[in-house]
Amino acid sequence: MAGNGLSKLKRKEKFISPSKLYVIVTEGETEVNYFEMIRKQIDSNIDVVCKKGKHPDTDYLIKTANKYLKDHNCNELTHCWIVLDCDVLSDHNVESLKKWRKTNNYSAKQEVGITSPNFEYWLILHFECPKKELTKQQCLTELKKHFPDYRKPFKNCNFNIDQIQNAVKNGSMKEISLGQRKNGTNLHLLLQDLILPSLELIMK
């Protein structure tokens, strides 16, 4: 009896998946509101914590991320992303972020999410994939075609799952790496991690 009970417990434990934690540290309130919207749509064993740095400077964002990892006993199930615009990054900023990405504090996975020229470019990708290079002002003009009343911090941010999937698809066609200055992003890598478990549940 005892052996049979233990066997059943082991079989049950195999189906219990540990919860992943995504810590997203951003430079602006618009990004926080966007990822809070994403968090509410997730129906899986993933938790998302959004933190806004006290100052948009890269060093402050790194300090904010490190403080969270230290204060919350984070481990290998923690994915910490610093999300920021990359067009204004100096060479020093880029090197600091690359160094931070490799440190892996407390065994956490550390990544840097970038969009150029600004976060509005990522929002545009929910609807279309721009065929030409856009300036910051042109991104704002293009985004207002879809959100006429758009203004920071975008408190009424709301995208459905199809639009988010569209952004992931378009982002993959506009992927850039840290240090590149052309229009693009790598946020699709973060978003596909966040929404994929929920999509798998929907498909079952």
C-alpha atoms as a PDB file:
ATOM      1  CA  MET A   1       0.000   0.000   0.000  1.00  0.00           C
ATOM      2  CA  ALA A   2       2.678   2.438   1.030  1.00  0.00           C
ATOM      3  CA  GLY A   3       4.748   1.681  -2.029  1.00  0.00           C
ATOM      4  CA  ASN A   4       1.746   2.097  -4.303  1.00  0.00           C
ATOM      5  CA  GLY A   5       0.896   5.433  -2.700  1.00  0.00           C
ATOM      6  CA  LEU A   6       4.449   6.709  -3.197  1.00  0.00           C
ATOM      7  CA  SER A   7       4.354   5.635  -6.823  1.00  0.00           C
ATOM      8  CA  LYS A   8       1.143   7.587  -7.393  1.00  0.00           C
ATOM      9  CA  LEU A   9       2.669  10.662  -5.734  1.00  0.00           C
ATOM     10  CA  LYS A  10       5.711  10.503  -7.993  1.00  0.00           C
ATOM     11  CA  ARG A  11       3.520  10.213 -11.068  1.00  0.00           C
ATOM     12  CA  LYS A  12       1.494  13.214  -9.920  1.00  0.00           C
ATOM     13  CA  GLU A  13       4.613  15.300  -9.240  1.00  0.00           C
ATOM     14  CA  LYS A  14       5.762  14.801 -12.821  1.00  0.00           C
ATOM     15  CA  PHE A  15       2.823  16.932 -13.971  1.00  0.00           C
ATOM     16  CA  ILE A  16       3.517  19.812 -11.590  1.00  0.00           C
ATOM     17  CA  SER A  17       5.587  22.379 -13.433  1.00  0.00           C
ATOM     18  CA  PRO A  18       7.536  24.910 -11.328  1.00  0.00           C
ATOM     19  CA  SER A  19       6.420  28.490 -11.780  1.00  0.00           C
ATOM     20  CA  LYS A  20       8.602  30.766 -13.869  1.00  0.00           C
ATOM     21  CA  LEU A  21       9.045  34.386 -12.889  1.00  0.00           C
ATOM     22  CA  TYR A  22       9.646  37.129 -15.442  1.00  0.00           C
ATOM     23  CA  VAL A  23      11.009  40.367 -13.994  1.00  0.00           C
ATOM     24  CA  ILE A  24      10.787  43.211 -16.504  1.00  0.00           C
ATOM     25  CA  VAL A  25      12.662  46.413 -15.679  1.00  0.00           C
ATOM     26  CA  THR A  26      11.819  49.320 -17.966  1.00  0.00           C
ATOM     27  CA  GLU A  27      12.738  52.959 -18.426  1.00  0.00           C
ATOM     28  CA  GLY A  28       9.186  54.265 -18.862  1.00  0.00           C
ATOM     29  CA  GLU A  29       5.588  54.031 -17.672  1.00  0.00           C
ATOM     30  CA  THR A  30       4.319  53.178 -21.169  1.00  0.00           C
ATOM     31  CA  GLU A  31       6.324  49.969 -21.151  1.00  0.00           C
ATOM     32  CA  VAL A  32       5.068  49.106 -17.656  1.00  0.00           C
ATOM     33  CA  ASN A  33       1.454  49.552 -18.752  1.00  0.00           C
ATOM     34  CA  TYR A  34       2.042  47.384 -21.818  1.00  0.00           C
ATOM     35  CA  PHE A  35       3.559  44.496 -19.885  1.00  0.00           C
ATOM     36  CA  GLU A  36       0.908  44.769 -17.164  1.00  0.00           C
ATOM     37  CA  MET A  37      -1.636  44.287 -19.951  1.00  0.00           C
ATOM     38  CA  ILE A  38       0.292  41.214 -21.125  1.00  0.00           C
ATOM     39  CA  ARG A  39       0.439  39.852 -17.568  1.00  0.00           C
ATOM     40  CA  LYS A  40      -3.350  39.960 -17.261  1.00  0.00           C
ATOM     41  CA  GLN A  41      -3.719  37.888 -20.434  1.00  0.00           C
ATOM     42  CA  ILE A  42      -1.376  35.119 -19.345  1.00  0.00           C
ATOM     43  CA  ASP A  43      -3.056  31.912 -18.188  1.00  0.00           C
ATOM     44  CA  SER A  44      -0.171  29.668 -17.257  1.00  0.00           C
ATOM     45  CA  ASN A  45       2.475  28.999 -14.619  1.00  0.00           C
ATOM     46  CA  ILE A  46       4.220  32.285 -15.451  1.00  0.00           C
ATOM     47  CA  ASP A  47       4.298  35.351 -13.259  1.00  0.00           C
ATOM     48  CA  VAL A  48       5.341  38.801 -14.462  1.00  0.00           C
ATOM     49  CA  VAL A  49       6.637  41.631 -12.287  1.00  0.00           C
ATOM     50  CA  CYS A  50       7.100  45.052 -13.885  1.00  0.00           C
ATOM     51  CA  LYS A  51       9.507  47.534 -12.346  1.00  0.00           C
ATOM     52  CA  LYS A  52      10.232  51.064 -13.516  1.00  0.00           C
ATOM     53  CA  GLY A  53      13.734  52.299 -12.855  1.00  0.00           C
ATOM     54  CA  LYS A  54      14.076  55.388 -10.665  1.00  0.00           C
ATOM     55  CA  HIS A  55      15.894  56.980 -13.582  1.00  0.00           C
ATOM     56  CA  PRO A  56      15.979  55.976 -17.282  1.00  0.00           C
ATOM     57  CA  ASP A  57      19.779  55.911 -17.265  1.00  0.00           C
ATOM     58  CA  THR A  58      21.149  52.453 -18.080  1.00  0.00           C
ATOM     59  CA  ASP A  59      23.173  52.204 -14.856  1.00  0.00           C
ATOM     60  CA  TYR A  60      20.023  52.814 -12.789  1.00  0.00           C
ATOM     61  CA  LEU A  61      18.110  50.146 -14.709  1.00  0.00           C
ATOM     62  CA  ILE A  62      20.888  47.654 -14.029  1.00  0.00           C
ATOM     63  CA  LYS A  63      20.892  48.580 -10.319  1.00  0.00           C
ATOM     64  CA  THR A  64      17.101  48.182 -10.167  1.00  0.00           C
ATOM     65  CA  ALA A  65      17.313  44.733 -11.761  1.00  0.00           C
ATOM     66  CA  ASN A  66      20.142  43.601  -9.483  1.00  0.00           C
ATOM     67  CA  LYS A  67      18.345  44.839  -6.364  1.00  0.00           C
ATOM     68  CA  TYR A  68      15.213  42.886  -7.250  1.00  0.00           C
ATOM     69  CA  LEU A  69      17.186  39.702  -7.905  1.00  0.00           C
ATOM     70  CA  LYS A  70      18.984  40.086  -4.572  1.00  0.00           C
ATOM     71  CA  ASP A  71      15.926  40.973  -2.471  1.00  0.00           C
ATOM     72  CA  HIS A  72      13.636  38.217  -3.806  1.00  0.00           C
ATOM     73  CA  ASN A  73      15.830  35.118  -3.652  1.00  0.00           C
ATOM     74  CA  CYS A  74      15.642  34.627  -7.399  1.00  0.00           C
ATOM     75  CA  ASN A  75      16.939  31.451  -9.051  1.00  0.00           C
ATOM     76  CA  GLU A  76      17.272  29.660 -12.382  1.00  0.00           C
ATOM     77  CA  LEU A  77      13.496  29.911 -12.929  1.00  0.00           C
ATOM     78  CA  THR A  78      13.763  33.693 -12.964  1.00  0.00           C
ATOM     79  CA  HIS A  79      14.055  35.518 -16.286  1.00  0.00           C
ATOM     80  CA  CYS A  80      15.078  39.141 -15.808  1.00  0.00           C
ATOM     81  CA  TRP A  81      14.740  41.510 -18.773  1.00  0.00           C
ATOM     82  CA  ILE A  82      15.846  45.124 -18.976  1.00  0.00           C
ATOM     83  CA  VAL A  83      13.665  46.735 -21.660  1.00  0.00           C
ATOM     84  CA  LEU A  84      14.670  50.039 -23.234  1.00  0.00           C
ATOM     85  CA  ASP A  85      15.025  52.047 -26.435  1.00  0.00           C
ATOM     86  CA  CYS A  86      18.389  51.393 -28.048  1.00  0.00           C
ATOM     87  CA  ASP A  87      18.829  54.351 -30.407  1.00  0.00           C
ATOM     88  CA  VAL A  88      20.057  56.656 -27.625  1.00  0.00           C
ATOM     89  CA  LEU A  89      22.468  54.166 -26.074  1.00  0.00           C
ATOM     90  CA  SER A  90      26.103  55.195 -26.018  1.00  0.00           C
ATOM     91  CA  ASP A  91      28.860  52.676 -26.684  1.00  0.00           C
ATOM     92  CA  HIS A  92      29.475  52.659 -22.919  1.00  0.00           C
ATOM     93  CA  ASN A  93      25.796  51.852 -22.253  1.00  0.00           C
ATOM     94  CA  VAL A  94      25.881  48.995 -24.739  1.00  0.00           C
ATOM     95  CA  GLU A  95      28.988  47.478 -23.159  1.00  0.00           C
ATOM     96  CA  SER A  96      27.476  47.818 -19.657  1.00  0.00           C
ATOM     97  CA  LEU A  97      24.334  45.978 -20.772  1.00  0.00           C
ATOM     98  CA  LYS A  98      26.322  43.244 -22.520  1.00  0.00           C
ATOM     99  CA  LYS A  99      28.386  42.746 -19.361  1.00  0.00           C
ATOM    100  CA  TRP A 100      25.246  42.626 -17.171  1.00  0.00           C
ATOM    101  CA  ARG A 101      23.623  40.098 -19.507  1.00  0.00           C
ATOM    102  CA  LYS A 102      26.533  37.701 -18.875  1.00  0.00           C
ATOM    103  CA  THR A 103      26.709  38.023 -15.072  1.00  0.00           C
ATOM    104  CA  ASN A 104      23.710  35.771 -14.288  1.00  0.00           C
ATOM    105  CA  ASN A 105      23.170  36.961 -10.723  1.00  0.00           C
ATOM    106  CA  TYR A 106      21.647  34.297  -8.442  1.00  0.00           C
ATOM    107  CA  SER A 107      21.461  31.878 -11.422  1.00  0.00           C
ATOM    108  CA  ALA A 108      18.754  34.008 -13.051  1.00  0.00           C
ATOM    109  CA  LYS A 109      18.592  34.313 -16.824  1.00  0.00           C
ATOM    110  CA  GLN A 110      19.369  37.923 -17.757  1.00  0.00           C
ATOM    111  CA  GLU A 111      18.406  39.499 -21.073  1.00  0.00           C
ATOM    112  CA  VAL A 112      18.136  42.950 -22.646  1.00  0.00           C
ATOM    113  CA  GLY A 113      15.032  43.825 -24.686  1.00  0.00           C
ATOM    114  CA  ILE A 114      15.536  46.631 -27.190  1.00  0.00           C
ATOM    115  CA  THR A 115      13.535  48.586 -29.742  1.00  0.00           C
ATOM    116  CA  SER A 116      14.776  51.238 -32.142  1.00  0.00           C
ATOM    117  CA  PRO A 117      14.011  54.060 -32.463  1.00  0.00           C
ATOM    118  CA  ASN A 118      11.497  53.821 -29.567  1.00  0.00           C
ATOM    119  CA  PHE A 119       8.892  51.631 -27.885  1.00  0.00           C
ATOM    120  CA  GLU A 120       6.214  53.015 -30.206  1.00  0.00           C
ATOM    121  CA  TYR A 121       7.898  51.104 -33.025  1.00  0.00           C
ATOM    122  CA  TRP A 122       7.145  47.870 -31.168  1.00  0.00           C
ATOM    123  CA  LEU A 123       3.501  48.951 -30.767  1.00  0.00           C
ATOM    124  CA  ILE A 124       3.255  49.580 -34.530  1.00  0.00           C
ATOM    125  CA  LEU A 125       4.359  45.998 -35.170  1.00  0.00           C
ATOM    126  CA  HIS A 126       1.056  44.796 -33.705  1.00  0.00           C
ATOM    127  CA  PHE A 127      -0.581  46.110 -36.885  1.00  0.00           C
ATOM    128  CA  GLU A 128       2.028  46.296 -39.620  1.00  0.00           C
ATOM    129  CA  CYS A 129       5.679  45.784 -40.501  1.00  0.00           C
ATOM    130  CA  PRO A 130       7.096  49.128 -41.697  1.00  0.00           C
ATOM    131  CA  LYS A 131       8.873  48.907 -45.039  1.00  0.00           C
ATOM    132  CA  LYS A 132      11.020  52.009 -44.518  1.00  0.00           C
ATOM    133  CA  GLU A 133      13.129  53.463 -41.719  1.00  0.00           C
ATOM    134  CA  LEU A 134      11.106  55.579 -39.286  1.00  0.00           C
ATOM    135  CA  THR A 135      12.229  58.398 -36.996  1.00  0.00           C
ATOM    136  CA  LYS A 136      10.763  58.814 -33.508  1.00  0.00           C
ATOM    137  CA  GLN A 137       8.271  61.388 -34.773  1.00  0.00           C
ATOM    138  CA  GLN A 138       7.296  59.194 -37.725  1.00  0.00           C
ATOM    139  CA  CYS A 139       6.681  56.295 -35.345  1.00  0.00           C
ATOM    140  CA  LEU A 140       4.320  58.462 -33.339  1.00  0.00           C
ATOM    141  CA  THR A 141       2.509  59.598 -36.491  1.00  0.00           C
ATOM    142  CA  GLU A 142       2.193  56.021 -37.746  1.00  0.00           C
ATOM    143  CA  LEU A 143       0.958  54.726 -34.394  1.00  0.00           C
ATOM    144  CA  LYS A 144      -1.748  57.399 -34.223  1.00  0.00           C
ATOM    145  CA  LYS A 145      -3.279  55.914 -37.381  1.00  0.00           C
ATOM    146  CA  HIS A 146      -4.244  52.998 -35.155  1.00  0.00           C
ATOM    147  CA  PHE A 147      -4.646  54.913 -31.884  1.00  0.00           C
ATOM    148  CA  PRO A 148      -5.715  58.509 -32.759  1.00  0.00           C
ATOM    149  CA  ASP A 149      -5.685  59.506 -29.078  1.00  0.00           C
ATOM    150  CA  TYR A 150      -2.375  57.860 -28.266  1.00  0.00           C
ATOM    151  CA  ARG A 151      -0.177  59.586 -25.743  1.00  0.00           C
ATOM    152  CA  LYS A 152       2.220  58.416 -23.079  1.00  0.00           C
ATOM    153  CA  PRO A 153       1.897  56.599 -20.711  1.00  0.00           C
ATOM    154  CA  PHE A 154      -0.790  54.714 -22.713  1.00  0.00           C
ATOM    155  CA  LYS A 155      -2.915  53.786 -19.699  1.00  0.00           C
ATOM    156  CA  ASN A 156      -5.624  52.290 -21.920  1.00  0.00           C
ATOM    157  CA  CYS A 157      -3.209  49.900 -23.599  1.00  0.00           C
ATOM    158  CA  ASN A 158      -5.152  46.920 -24.908  1.00  0.00           C
ATOM    159  CA  PHE A 159      -4.176  44.369 -27.560  1.00  0.00           C
ATOM    160  CA  ASN A 160      -5.838  41.063 -28.302  1.00  0.00           C
ATOM    161  CA  ILE A 161      -3.918  37.816 -28.671  1.00  0.00           C
ATOM    162  CA  ASP A 162      -4.005  37.953 -32.494  1.00  0.00           C
ATOM    163  CA  GLN A 163      -2.412  41.414 -32.491  1.00  0.00           C
ATOM    164  CA  ILE A 164       0.258  40.283 -30.035  1.00  0.00           C
ATOM    165  CA  GLN A 165       1.024  37.269 -32.221  1.00  0.00           C
ATOM    166  CA  ASN A 166       1.247  39.641 -35.180  1.00  0.00           C
ATOM    167  CA  ALA A 167       3.826  41.745 -33.314  1.00  0.00           C
ATOM    168  CA  VAL A 168       5.877  38.616 -32.581  1.00  0.00           C
ATOM    169  CA  LYS A 169       5.784  37.652 -36.257  1.00  0.00           C
ATOM    170  CA  ASN A 170       6.668  41.154 -37.491  1.00  0.00           C
ATOM    171  CA  GLY A 171       9.332  41.514 -34.822  1.00  0.00           C
ATOM    172  CA  SER A 172      11.054  38.354 -36.017  1.00  0.00           C
ATOM    173  CA  MET A 173      11.394  39.992 -39.443  1.00  0.00           C
ATOM    174  CA  LYS A 174      12.858  43.156 -37.895  1.00  0.00           C
ATOM    175  CA  GLU A 175      15.170  41.541 -35.347  1.00  0.00           C
ATOM    176  CA  ILE A 176      18.221  43.536 -34.288  1.00  0.00           C
ATOM    177  CA  SER A 177      20.933  42.911 -31.716  1.00  0.00           C
ATOM    178  CA  LEU A 178      22.187  45.146 -28.943  1.00  0.00           C
ATOM    179  CA  GLY A 179      24.284  47.943 -30.447  1.00  0.00           C
ATOM    180  CA  GLN A 180      22.580  48.114 -33.840  1.00  0.00           C
ATOM    181  CA  ARG A 181      21.053  51.491 -34.742  1.00  0.00           C
ATOM    182  CA  LYS A 182      18.592  50.586 -37.500  1.00  0.00           C
ATOM    183  CA  ASN A 183      14.844  50.200 -36.920  1.00  0.00           C
ATOM    184  CA  GLY A 184      14.072  46.919 -35.223  1.00  0.00           C
ATOM    185  CA  THR A 185      13.536  45.018 -32.003  1.00  0.00           C
ATOM    186  CA  ASN A 186      14.126  41.781 -30.157  1.00  0.00           C
ATOM    187  CA  LEU A 187      11.058  42.031 -27.903  1.00  0.00           C
ATOM    188  CA  HIS A 188       9.393  39.263 -29.895  1.00  0.00           C
ATOM    189  CA  LEU A 189      11.766  36.845 -28.129  1.00  0.00           C
ATOM    190  CA  LEU A 190      10.371  37.903 -24.752  1.00  0.00           C
ATOM    191  CA  LEU A 191       6.743  37.999 -25.878  1.00  0.00           C
ATOM    192  CA  GLN A 192       6.793  34.557 -27.444  1.00  0.00           C
ATOM    193  CA  ASP A 193       8.084  33.155 -24.150  1.00  0.00           C
ATOM    194  CA  LEU A 194       5.286  34.899 -22.262  1.00  0.00           C
ATOM    195  CA  ILE A 195       2.337  34.049 -24.491  1.00  0.00           C
ATOM    196  CA  LEU A 196       3.289  30.627 -25.885  1.00  0.00           C
ATOM    197  CA  PRO A 197       2.130  28.645 -22.787  1.00  0.00           C
ATOM    198  CA  SER A 198      -1.225  30.448 -22.881  1.00  0.00           C
ATOM    199  CA  LEU A 199      -1.640  29.682 -26.592  1.00  0.00           C
ATOM    200  CA  GLU A 200      -0.885  26.011 -25.953  1.00  0.00           C
ATOM    201  CA  LEU A 201      -3.649  25.921 -23.344  1.00  0.00           C
ATOM    202  CA  ILE A 202      -6.084  27.539 -25.783  1.00  0.00           C
ATOM    203  CA  MET A 203      -5.244  24.966 -28.478  1.00  0.00           C
ATOM    204  CA  LYS A 204      -5.922  21.982 -26.160  1.00  0.00           C
END
